[in-house]
N, C-alpha and C. Protein backbone atom coordinates (compact mmCIF):
# COMPACT_ATOMS: atom_id res chain seq x y z
N MET A 1 6.50 59.09 24.35
CA MET A 1 5.83 59.24 25.63
C MET A 1 4.62 58.29 25.64
N GLN A 2 4.49 57.57 26.73
CA GLN A 2 3.47 56.55 26.83
C GLN A 2 2.57 56.83 28.07
N PHE A 3 1.23 56.84 27.80
CA PHE A 3 0.28 57.17 28.83
C PHE A 3 -0.22 55.97 29.59
N TRP A 4 -0.22 54.80 28.93
CA TRP A 4 -0.80 53.60 29.56
C TRP A 4 0.27 52.61 29.82
N PRO A 5 0.09 51.83 30.84
CA PRO A 5 1.10 50.76 31.09
C PRO A 5 0.99 49.72 30.02
N GLN A 6 2.13 49.10 29.74
CA GLN A 6 2.15 48.03 28.75
C GLN A 6 1.48 46.83 29.41
N VAL A 7 0.57 46.24 28.65
CA VAL A 7 -0.16 45.04 29.12
C VAL A 7 -0.03 43.99 28.03
N ASP A 8 0.40 42.80 28.50
CA ASP A 8 0.40 41.68 27.58
C ASP A 8 -0.96 41.04 27.47
N PRO A 9 -1.62 41.15 26.34
CA PRO A 9 -2.97 40.61 26.23
C PRO A 9 -3.06 39.08 26.36
N THR A 10 -1.92 38.41 26.18
CA THR A 10 -1.94 36.92 26.24
C THR A 10 -1.67 36.43 27.68
N ALA A 11 -1.26 37.34 28.56
CA ALA A 11 -0.94 36.96 29.96
C ALA A 11 -2.27 36.71 30.70
N PRO A 12 -2.28 35.73 31.63
CA PRO A 12 -3.48 35.47 32.39
C PRO A 12 -3.83 36.71 33.28
N LYS A 13 -5.10 36.95 33.42
CA LYS A 13 -5.52 38.14 34.21
C LYS A 13 -5.27 37.87 35.67
N GLN A 14 -4.77 38.90 36.36
CA GLN A 14 -4.58 38.77 37.77
C GLN A 14 -5.79 39.32 38.50
N LEU A 15 -6.37 38.48 39.32
CA LEU A 15 -7.53 38.90 40.03
C LEU A 15 -7.13 39.75 41.25
N LYS A 16 -7.86 40.84 41.42
CA LYS A 16 -7.60 41.64 42.61
C LYS A 16 -8.13 40.92 43.84
N LYS A 17 -7.34 40.86 44.89
CA LYS A 17 -7.80 40.23 46.10
C LYS A 17 -8.73 41.21 46.81
N SER A 18 -9.92 40.78 47.06
CA SER A 18 -10.87 41.61 47.79
C SER A 18 -10.80 41.26 49.26
N PRO A 19 -11.00 42.20 50.12
CA PRO A 19 -11.00 41.90 51.49
C PRO A 19 -12.05 40.81 51.80
N SER A 20 -11.76 39.99 52.76
CA SER A 20 -12.66 38.90 53.05
C SER A 20 -14.00 39.49 53.66
N ARG A 21 -15.09 39.13 53.07
CA ARG A 21 -16.39 39.58 53.53
C ARG A 21 -16.75 38.77 54.77
N LYS A 22 -17.37 39.39 55.71
CA LYS A 22 -17.83 38.72 56.93
C LYS A 22 -19.30 38.88 57.06
N ILE A 23 -19.94 37.92 57.75
CA ILE A 23 -21.34 38.10 58.02
C ILE A 23 -21.48 39.10 59.15
N CYS A 24 -22.46 40.05 58.95
CA CYS A 24 -22.66 41.08 59.92
C CYS A 24 -23.06 40.48 61.26
N LYS A 25 -22.37 40.95 62.37
CA LYS A 25 -22.69 40.46 63.70
C LYS A 25 -23.91 41.20 64.34
N HIS A 26 -24.31 42.29 63.67
CA HIS A 26 -25.40 43.12 64.19
C HIS A 26 -25.02 43.73 65.54
N LEU A 27 -25.99 44.08 66.30
CA LEU A 27 -25.71 44.76 67.60
C LEU A 27 -26.14 43.84 68.72
N SER A 28 -25.18 43.40 69.52
CA SER A 28 -25.45 42.48 70.58
C SER A 28 -24.45 42.72 71.72
N GLY A 29 -24.69 42.03 72.80
CA GLY A 29 -23.78 42.16 73.92
C GLY A 29 -24.46 42.78 75.10
N PRO A 30 -23.70 43.07 76.16
CA PRO A 30 -24.28 43.59 77.42
C PRO A 30 -25.18 44.85 77.26
N GLY A 31 -24.79 45.73 76.35
CA GLY A 31 -25.57 46.96 76.18
C GLY A 31 -26.91 46.71 75.54
N TYR A 32 -27.11 45.62 74.87
CA TYR A 32 -28.30 45.35 74.16
C TYR A 32 -29.16 44.19 74.73
N ASP A 33 -28.53 43.34 75.57
CA ASP A 33 -29.19 42.11 76.01
C ASP A 33 -30.55 42.38 76.67
N GLU A 34 -30.59 43.29 77.66
CA GLU A 34 -31.81 43.54 78.39
C GLU A 34 -32.94 44.01 77.41
N TYR A 35 -32.55 44.93 76.54
CA TYR A 35 -33.51 45.46 75.56
C TYR A 35 -34.07 44.35 74.68
N VAL A 36 -33.16 43.48 74.15
CA VAL A 36 -33.57 42.44 73.26
C VAL A 36 -34.58 41.45 73.96
N HIS A 37 -34.32 41.16 75.22
CA HIS A 37 -35.12 40.14 75.92
C HIS A 37 -36.41 40.70 76.50
N LEU A 38 -36.45 42.00 76.77
CA LEU A 38 -37.61 42.54 77.48
C LEU A 38 -38.57 43.38 76.58
N ILE A 39 -38.07 43.81 75.45
CA ILE A 39 -38.92 44.69 74.60
C ILE A 39 -39.86 43.86 73.76
N GLN A 40 -41.02 44.43 73.46
CA GLN A 40 -41.96 43.67 72.59
C GLN A 40 -41.74 44.01 71.15
N THR A 41 -41.04 45.06 70.84
CA THR A 41 -40.76 45.38 69.42
C THR A 41 -40.04 44.24 68.72
N ARG A 42 -40.41 43.92 67.57
CA ARG A 42 -39.69 42.91 66.81
C ARG A 42 -39.24 43.50 65.45
N THR A 43 -40.19 43.87 64.58
CA THR A 43 -39.81 44.29 63.28
C THR A 43 -40.05 45.81 63.04
N LEU A 44 -40.64 46.47 64.00
CA LEU A 44 -41.02 47.88 63.80
C LEU A 44 -40.27 48.83 64.70
N GLY A 45 -39.03 48.59 64.96
CA GLY A 45 -38.24 49.47 65.80
C GLY A 45 -38.09 50.86 65.25
N GLY A 46 -38.33 51.86 66.05
CA GLY A 46 -38.24 53.22 65.61
C GLY A 46 -39.51 53.86 65.11
N VAL A 47 -40.56 53.02 65.05
CA VAL A 47 -41.89 53.54 64.62
C VAL A 47 -42.58 54.08 65.87
N SER A 48 -42.86 55.38 65.84
CA SER A 48 -43.42 56.04 67.03
C SER A 48 -44.89 55.67 67.21
N PRO A 49 -45.37 55.73 68.42
CA PRO A 49 -46.81 55.47 68.65
C PRO A 49 -47.68 56.46 67.89
N GLU A 50 -47.19 57.67 67.71
CA GLU A 50 -47.93 58.70 66.98
C GLU A 50 -48.09 58.27 65.53
N LEU A 51 -47.03 57.78 64.92
CA LEU A 51 -47.12 57.37 63.54
C LEU A 51 -48.01 56.13 63.38
N ARG A 52 -47.92 55.25 64.37
CA ARG A 52 -48.75 54.03 64.38
C ARG A 52 -50.21 54.43 64.41
N ALA A 53 -50.57 55.39 65.30
CA ALA A 53 -51.93 55.86 65.44
C ALA A 53 -52.41 56.53 64.15
N ARG A 54 -51.55 57.39 63.58
CA ARG A 54 -51.90 58.08 62.34
C ARG A 54 -52.18 57.07 61.23
N ALA A 55 -51.31 56.08 61.11
CA ALA A 55 -51.45 55.04 60.06
C ALA A 55 -52.74 54.29 60.27
N SER A 56 -53.06 53.97 61.53
CA SER A 56 -54.29 53.22 61.83
C SER A 56 -55.51 54.01 61.38
N CYS A 57 -55.55 55.31 61.68
CA CYS A 57 -56.64 56.14 61.22
C CYS A 57 -56.81 56.16 59.73
N GLN A 58 -55.70 56.21 59.02
CA GLN A 58 -55.70 56.30 57.59
C GLN A 58 -56.08 54.97 56.94
N LEU A 59 -55.56 53.85 57.44
CA LEU A 59 -55.79 52.59 56.82
C LEU A 59 -57.18 52.00 57.13
N PHE A 60 -57.77 52.38 58.26
CA PHE A 60 -59.03 51.78 58.65
C PHE A 60 -60.07 52.88 58.99
N PRO A 61 -60.51 53.65 57.98
CA PRO A 61 -61.45 54.70 58.26
C PRO A 61 -62.78 54.15 58.75
N TYR A 62 -63.10 52.89 58.42
CA TYR A 62 -64.35 52.32 58.87
C TYR A 62 -64.39 52.07 60.34
N LYS A 63 -63.27 52.05 61.04
CA LYS A 63 -63.25 51.87 62.47
C LYS A 63 -63.63 53.17 63.18
N GLN A 64 -63.57 54.29 62.51
CA GLN A 64 -63.90 55.59 63.05
C GLN A 64 -63.15 55.77 64.37
N LEU A 65 -61.84 55.59 64.30
CA LEU A 65 -60.98 55.77 65.49
C LEU A 65 -61.03 57.23 65.89
N PRO A 66 -60.82 57.49 67.18
CA PRO A 66 -60.82 58.93 67.66
C PRO A 66 -59.77 59.68 66.93
N PRO A 67 -60.04 60.98 66.62
CA PRO A 67 -59.03 61.80 65.95
C PRO A 67 -57.84 62.01 66.80
N LEU A 68 -56.69 62.21 66.14
CA LEU A 68 -55.47 62.46 66.88
C LEU A 68 -55.55 63.86 67.48
N GLU A 69 -55.05 64.01 68.71
CA GLU A 69 -55.19 65.26 69.43
C GLU A 69 -54.25 66.36 68.89
N LYS A 70 -53.16 65.98 68.29
CA LYS A 70 -52.20 66.98 67.89
C LYS A 70 -51.79 66.77 66.45
N GLU A 71 -51.25 67.80 65.86
CA GLU A 71 -50.72 67.75 64.52
C GLU A 71 -49.36 67.04 64.56
N PRO A 72 -48.94 66.49 63.43
CA PRO A 72 -47.61 65.82 63.45
C PRO A 72 -46.49 66.82 63.76
N LYS A 73 -45.42 66.26 64.37
CA LYS A 73 -44.25 67.09 64.67
C LYS A 73 -43.65 67.58 63.37
N ALA A 74 -43.03 68.74 63.42
CA ALA A 74 -42.41 69.33 62.23
C ALA A 74 -41.46 68.37 61.56
N LYS A 75 -40.66 67.63 62.41
CA LYS A 75 -39.67 66.72 61.80
C LYS A 75 -40.34 65.55 61.10
N SER A 76 -41.60 65.31 61.38
CA SER A 76 -42.33 64.14 60.78
C SER A 76 -43.14 64.57 59.56
N LEU A 77 -43.08 65.83 59.21
CA LEU A 77 -43.91 66.29 58.10
C LEU A 77 -43.64 65.51 56.81
N ALA A 78 -42.40 65.08 56.62
CA ALA A 78 -42.08 64.33 55.42
C ALA A 78 -42.78 62.94 55.46
N LEU A 79 -43.20 62.50 56.59
CA LEU A 79 -43.81 61.17 56.71
C LEU A 79 -45.34 61.24 56.63
N VAL A 80 -45.84 62.45 56.65
CA VAL A 80 -47.34 62.59 56.69
C VAL A 80 -47.89 62.16 55.35
N PHE A 81 -48.94 61.37 55.41
CA PHE A 81 -49.63 60.96 54.21
C PHE A 81 -50.92 61.75 54.12
N ILE A 82 -51.64 61.59 53.10
CA ILE A 82 -52.86 62.33 52.89
C ILE A 82 -53.84 62.05 54.06
N GLU A 83 -54.31 63.12 54.69
CA GLU A 83 -55.25 62.96 55.80
C GLU A 83 -56.61 62.60 55.25
N ILE A 84 -57.18 61.61 55.78
CA ILE A 84 -58.55 61.18 55.41
C ILE A 84 -59.42 61.61 56.61
N VAL A 85 -60.33 62.48 56.34
CA VAL A 85 -61.22 62.91 57.41
C VAL A 85 -62.30 61.85 57.59
N THR A 86 -62.41 61.29 58.82
CA THR A 86 -63.34 60.25 59.05
C THR A 86 -64.60 60.68 59.79
N LYS A 87 -64.59 61.94 60.28
CA LYS A 87 -65.79 62.48 60.90
C LYS A 87 -66.69 62.99 59.72
N ASN A 88 -67.96 62.78 59.83
CA ASN A 88 -68.95 63.28 58.87
C ASN A 88 -68.59 62.78 57.47
N VAL A 89 -68.20 61.55 57.34
CA VAL A 89 -67.85 60.97 56.02
C VAL A 89 -69.09 60.94 55.15
N THR A 90 -68.95 61.45 53.95
CA THR A 90 -70.10 61.46 53.00
C THR A 90 -70.06 60.24 52.12
N ASN A 91 -68.89 59.57 52.03
CA ASN A 91 -68.80 58.41 51.15
C ASN A 91 -69.04 57.19 51.98
N PRO A 92 -70.21 56.55 51.87
CA PRO A 92 -70.57 55.40 52.71
C PRO A 92 -69.63 54.18 52.48
N LYS A 93 -68.97 54.11 51.32
CA LYS A 93 -68.09 52.98 51.02
C LYS A 93 -66.88 52.96 51.99
N MET A 94 -66.49 54.18 52.46
CA MET A 94 -65.35 54.29 53.38
C MET A 94 -65.72 53.64 54.76
N LEU A 95 -66.97 53.61 55.06
CA LEU A 95 -67.40 53.17 56.37
C LEU A 95 -67.80 51.69 56.36
N LEU A 96 -67.85 51.07 55.19
CA LEU A 96 -68.18 49.65 55.13
C LEU A 96 -67.04 48.82 55.68
N ILE A 97 -67.35 47.91 56.58
CA ILE A 97 -66.34 47.07 57.19
C ILE A 97 -66.08 45.91 56.19
N PRO A 98 -64.83 45.75 55.78
CA PRO A 98 -64.53 44.68 54.85
C PRO A 98 -64.65 43.27 55.56
N LYS A 99 -64.78 42.25 54.74
CA LYS A 99 -64.92 40.92 55.30
C LYS A 99 -63.73 40.50 56.19
N SER A 100 -62.54 41.06 55.80
CA SER A 100 -61.34 40.69 56.55
C SER A 100 -61.09 41.60 57.77
N GLY A 101 -62.06 42.44 58.10
CA GLY A 101 -61.89 43.40 59.18
C GLY A 101 -63.00 43.35 60.23
N ASN A 102 -62.93 44.22 61.16
CA ASN A 102 -63.97 44.42 62.14
C ASN A 102 -63.97 45.84 62.60
N GLY A 103 -64.94 46.24 63.37
CA GLY A 103 -65.08 47.66 63.78
C GLY A 103 -64.42 47.95 65.14
N ASN A 104 -63.76 46.99 65.74
CA ASN A 104 -63.19 47.17 67.09
C ASN A 104 -62.06 48.26 67.09
N HIS A 105 -62.05 49.06 68.09
CA HIS A 105 -61.01 50.07 68.24
C HIS A 105 -59.76 49.51 68.88
N ASN A 106 -59.86 48.62 69.76
CA ASN A 106 -58.68 48.07 70.47
C ASN A 106 -57.89 47.20 69.51
N GLU A 107 -56.65 47.51 69.36
CA GLU A 107 -55.80 46.79 68.36
C GLU A 107 -55.73 45.33 68.67
N TRP A 108 -55.73 44.92 69.92
CA TRP A 108 -55.63 43.50 70.26
C TRP A 108 -56.88 42.71 69.78
N GLN A 109 -57.93 43.42 69.43
CA GLN A 109 -59.22 42.79 68.96
C GLN A 109 -59.34 42.81 67.44
N TRP A 110 -58.33 43.41 66.79
CA TRP A 110 -58.37 43.47 65.33
C TRP A 110 -58.13 42.08 64.74
N THR A 111 -58.53 41.94 63.49
CA THR A 111 -58.32 40.68 62.78
C THR A 111 -56.88 40.54 62.41
N LYS A 112 -56.43 39.34 62.14
CA LYS A 112 -55.03 39.12 61.70
C LYS A 112 -54.74 39.89 60.42
N ALA A 113 -55.70 39.95 59.55
CA ALA A 113 -55.53 40.66 58.26
C ALA A 113 -55.27 42.19 58.53
N GLU A 114 -56.03 42.72 59.46
CA GLU A 114 -55.83 44.18 59.78
C GLU A 114 -54.48 44.43 60.41
N LYS A 115 -54.11 43.57 61.38
CA LYS A 115 -52.79 43.70 61.99
C LYS A 115 -51.67 43.56 60.97
N ARG A 116 -51.81 42.62 60.05
CA ARG A 116 -50.81 42.41 59.03
C ARG A 116 -50.68 43.65 58.10
N LYS A 117 -51.84 44.16 57.72
CA LYS A 117 -51.88 45.36 56.86
C LYS A 117 -51.14 46.52 57.50
N LEU A 118 -51.45 46.76 58.80
CA LEU A 118 -50.78 47.83 59.52
C LEU A 118 -49.29 47.62 59.61
N ASP A 119 -48.89 46.40 59.98
CA ASP A 119 -47.47 46.11 60.11
C ASP A 119 -46.73 46.23 58.78
N GLU A 120 -47.32 45.79 57.69
CA GLU A 120 -46.71 45.81 56.37
C GLU A 120 -46.52 47.29 55.97
N PHE A 121 -47.55 48.08 56.27
CA PHE A 121 -47.45 49.51 55.98
C PHE A 121 -46.35 50.17 56.78
N LEU A 122 -46.25 49.91 58.06
CA LEU A 122 -45.27 50.56 58.92
C LEU A 122 -43.87 50.07 58.72
N LEU A 123 -43.67 48.92 58.08
CA LEU A 123 -42.30 48.42 57.82
C LEU A 123 -41.44 49.43 57.06
N GLY A 124 -42.07 50.20 56.23
CA GLY A 124 -41.36 51.24 55.44
C GLY A 124 -40.70 52.27 56.32
N TRP A 125 -41.23 52.46 57.56
CA TRP A 125 -40.67 53.44 58.45
C TRP A 125 -39.81 52.86 59.61
N ALA A 126 -39.77 51.54 59.67
CA ALA A 126 -38.99 50.91 60.69
C ALA A 126 -37.49 51.19 60.49
N ARG A 127 -36.81 51.48 61.58
CA ARG A 127 -35.37 51.72 61.47
C ARG A 127 -34.54 50.53 62.00
N TRP A 128 -35.13 49.73 62.88
CA TRP A 128 -34.38 48.58 63.36
C TRP A 128 -35.32 47.41 63.63
N GLU A 129 -34.76 46.26 63.76
CA GLU A 129 -35.48 45.02 64.06
C GLU A 129 -34.79 44.32 65.24
N VAL A 130 -35.57 43.65 66.04
CA VAL A 130 -35.05 42.93 67.16
C VAL A 130 -35.20 41.42 66.92
N ASP A 131 -34.09 40.69 66.93
CA ASP A 131 -34.17 39.24 66.80
C ASP A 131 -34.02 38.61 68.15
N TYR A 132 -35.16 38.30 68.77
CA TYR A 132 -35.19 37.77 70.12
C TYR A 132 -34.52 36.45 70.18
N MET A 133 -34.74 35.56 69.22
CA MET A 133 -34.16 34.19 69.31
C MET A 133 -32.66 34.22 69.18
N ASN A 134 -32.06 35.10 68.39
CA ASN A 134 -30.64 35.13 68.25
C ASN A 134 -29.96 36.20 69.07
N GLY A 135 -30.75 37.00 69.81
CA GLY A 135 -30.24 37.96 70.72
C GLY A 135 -29.50 39.15 70.16
N PHE A 136 -30.08 39.78 69.12
CA PHE A 136 -29.41 40.96 68.58
C PHE A 136 -30.44 41.98 68.05
N VAL A 137 -29.97 43.16 67.86
CA VAL A 137 -30.72 44.27 67.18
C VAL A 137 -30.00 44.47 65.87
N LYS A 138 -30.76 44.68 64.82
CA LYS A 138 -30.08 44.98 63.52
C LYS A 138 -30.88 46.10 62.81
N SER A 139 -30.16 46.79 61.92
CA SER A 139 -30.81 47.85 61.17
C SER A 139 -31.84 47.23 60.20
N ALA A 140 -32.90 47.91 59.90
CA ALA A 140 -33.84 47.42 58.97
C ALA A 140 -33.19 47.40 57.54
N GLN A 141 -32.11 48.18 57.44
CA GLN A 141 -31.37 48.20 56.16
C GLN A 141 -30.07 47.41 56.20
N CYS A 142 -29.96 46.45 57.09
CA CYS A 142 -28.75 45.64 57.24
C CYS A 142 -28.35 45.04 55.95
N GLU A 143 -27.07 45.13 55.62
CA GLU A 143 -26.56 44.56 54.37
C GLU A 143 -26.29 43.07 54.44
N GLY A 144 -26.24 42.52 55.65
CA GLY A 144 -26.01 41.09 55.78
C GLY A 144 -24.56 40.71 55.83
N THR A 145 -23.72 41.37 55.07
CA THR A 145 -22.28 41.13 55.10
C THR A 145 -21.57 42.44 55.12
N THR A 146 -20.27 42.37 55.46
CA THR A 146 -19.51 43.63 55.54
C THR A 146 -18.01 43.35 55.41
N ASP A 147 -17.30 44.41 55.04
CA ASP A 147 -15.83 44.35 54.96
C ASP A 147 -15.26 44.98 56.20
N ASN A 148 -16.05 45.52 57.09
CA ASN A 148 -15.60 46.24 58.27
C ASN A 148 -14.85 45.27 59.23
N ALA A 149 -13.75 45.75 59.84
CA ALA A 149 -12.97 44.91 60.71
C ALA A 149 -13.73 44.40 61.91
N ASN A 150 -14.71 45.16 62.41
CA ASN A 150 -15.47 44.76 63.57
C ASN A 150 -16.64 43.85 63.21
N ALA A 151 -16.82 43.51 61.92
CA ALA A 151 -17.85 42.61 61.44
C ALA A 151 -19.26 43.15 61.65
N ILE A 152 -19.38 44.47 61.75
CA ILE A 152 -20.75 45.10 61.82
C ILE A 152 -20.89 46.00 60.62
N CYS A 153 -21.93 45.78 59.82
CA CYS A 153 -22.12 46.57 58.60
C CYS A 153 -22.41 48.04 58.89
N ASP A 154 -22.24 48.85 57.88
CA ASP A 154 -22.40 50.28 58.07
C ASP A 154 -23.82 50.63 58.50
N ALA A 155 -24.84 49.94 58.00
CA ALA A 155 -26.22 50.23 58.37
C ALA A 155 -26.43 49.94 59.89
N CYS A 156 -25.90 48.82 60.40
CA CYS A 156 -26.04 48.48 61.80
C CYS A 156 -25.25 49.46 62.66
N THR A 157 -24.07 49.84 62.20
CA THR A 157 -23.27 50.87 62.90
C THR A 157 -24.02 52.14 63.04
N SER A 158 -24.67 52.53 61.95
CA SER A 158 -25.45 53.78 61.95
C SER A 158 -26.59 53.69 62.93
N ILE A 159 -27.31 52.57 62.96
CA ILE A 159 -28.48 52.46 63.86
C ILE A 159 -28.05 52.43 65.31
N SER A 160 -26.81 51.99 65.56
CA SER A 160 -26.30 52.00 66.98
C SER A 160 -26.16 53.45 67.51
N LYS A 161 -26.17 54.37 66.64
CA LYS A 161 -26.05 55.82 67.00
C LYS A 161 -27.41 56.48 67.01
N ASP A 162 -28.45 55.81 66.66
CA ASP A 162 -29.82 56.32 66.59
C ASP A 162 -30.27 56.73 67.99
N GLU A 163 -30.65 57.99 68.15
CA GLU A 163 -31.04 58.47 69.47
C GLU A 163 -32.31 57.79 70.00
N SER A 164 -33.22 57.46 69.16
CA SER A 164 -34.46 56.72 69.62
C SER A 164 -34.07 55.37 70.20
N LEU A 165 -33.24 54.65 69.47
CA LEU A 165 -32.84 53.34 69.97
C LEU A 165 -32.08 53.49 71.32
N LYS A 166 -31.17 54.43 71.40
CA LYS A 166 -30.45 54.66 72.65
C LYS A 166 -31.45 54.96 73.83
N ARG A 167 -32.44 55.85 73.51
CA ARG A 167 -33.42 56.17 74.51
C ARG A 167 -34.20 54.96 75.01
N TYR A 168 -34.64 54.08 74.05
CA TYR A 168 -35.37 52.86 74.47
C TYR A 168 -34.49 51.97 75.28
N ILE A 169 -33.23 51.81 74.92
CA ILE A 169 -32.32 50.96 75.64
C ILE A 169 -32.19 51.48 77.09
N ARG A 170 -32.02 52.80 77.21
CA ARG A 170 -31.85 53.45 78.54
C ARG A 170 -33.12 53.20 79.38
N ARG A 171 -34.29 53.35 78.76
CA ARG A 171 -35.54 53.16 79.49
C ARG A 171 -35.63 51.73 80.01
N VAL A 172 -35.33 50.75 79.19
CA VAL A 172 -35.42 49.34 79.60
C VAL A 172 -34.43 49.15 80.74
N SER A 173 -33.22 49.67 80.63
CA SER A 173 -32.24 49.53 81.65
C SER A 173 -32.63 50.14 82.97
N GLU A 174 -33.28 51.37 82.89
CA GLU A 174 -33.75 52.04 84.07
C GLU A 174 -34.87 51.20 84.74
N LEU A 175 -35.78 50.64 83.92
CA LEU A 175 -36.87 49.86 84.46
C LEU A 175 -36.37 48.66 85.17
N THR A 176 -35.40 47.95 84.55
CA THR A 176 -34.87 46.72 85.24
C THR A 176 -34.11 47.07 86.50
N ALA A 177 -33.44 48.23 86.49
CA ALA A 177 -32.75 48.69 87.70
C ALA A 177 -33.73 48.99 88.79
N SER A 178 -34.84 49.59 88.46
CA SER A 178 -35.82 49.94 89.52
C SER A 178 -36.46 48.66 90.07
N PHE A 179 -36.65 47.66 89.22
CA PHE A 179 -37.18 46.36 89.75
C PHE A 179 -36.17 45.68 90.63
N ASP A 180 -34.88 45.76 90.23
CA ASP A 180 -33.82 45.17 91.01
C ASP A 180 -33.75 45.79 92.40
N HIS A 181 -34.05 47.06 92.48
CA HIS A 181 -33.90 47.75 93.80
C HIS A 181 -35.22 47.78 94.53
N GLY A 182 -36.29 47.11 94.01
CA GLY A 182 -37.56 46.99 94.74
C GLY A 182 -38.41 48.22 94.69
N TYR A 183 -38.24 49.14 93.75
CA TYR A 183 -39.07 50.32 93.67
C TYR A 183 -40.40 50.05 93.13
């Protein structure tokens, strides 16, 4: 009785043919075109304004930004980081404005270093990216290549089902429709 197939150790090895890998096409076409061309989001798709505000308060206590009006949503509790209380701060070092920063509240007046720090921090929570130049949306976790027949990787396929992305696409579509009808 033999359990293993007989193999000739002197015979050349036969390489298994792997399916041909394709470059991921990402998400593009009529359903995405308006969104890609009209939205301002580039690398932080899926980051809520609430999370952006919470991160700003945490990263820049010296700006003494107004406190958030509400507690984080229950589904976001896993994303909550340590709350830094900026009212009545007893540690004066927290209120010192660094050389690379300023005390302005309006984000458009922040320094490049502050904007970069916030963006780099929020990249960890981004779910999709918009490539305006090439006209597509892709998952922040895009694998770059795929074996899938439709040439869209599993990560991009998954993000195409993301309810937040769908909602943003619908909003952009509704806005352009209302402009087309003169509302």
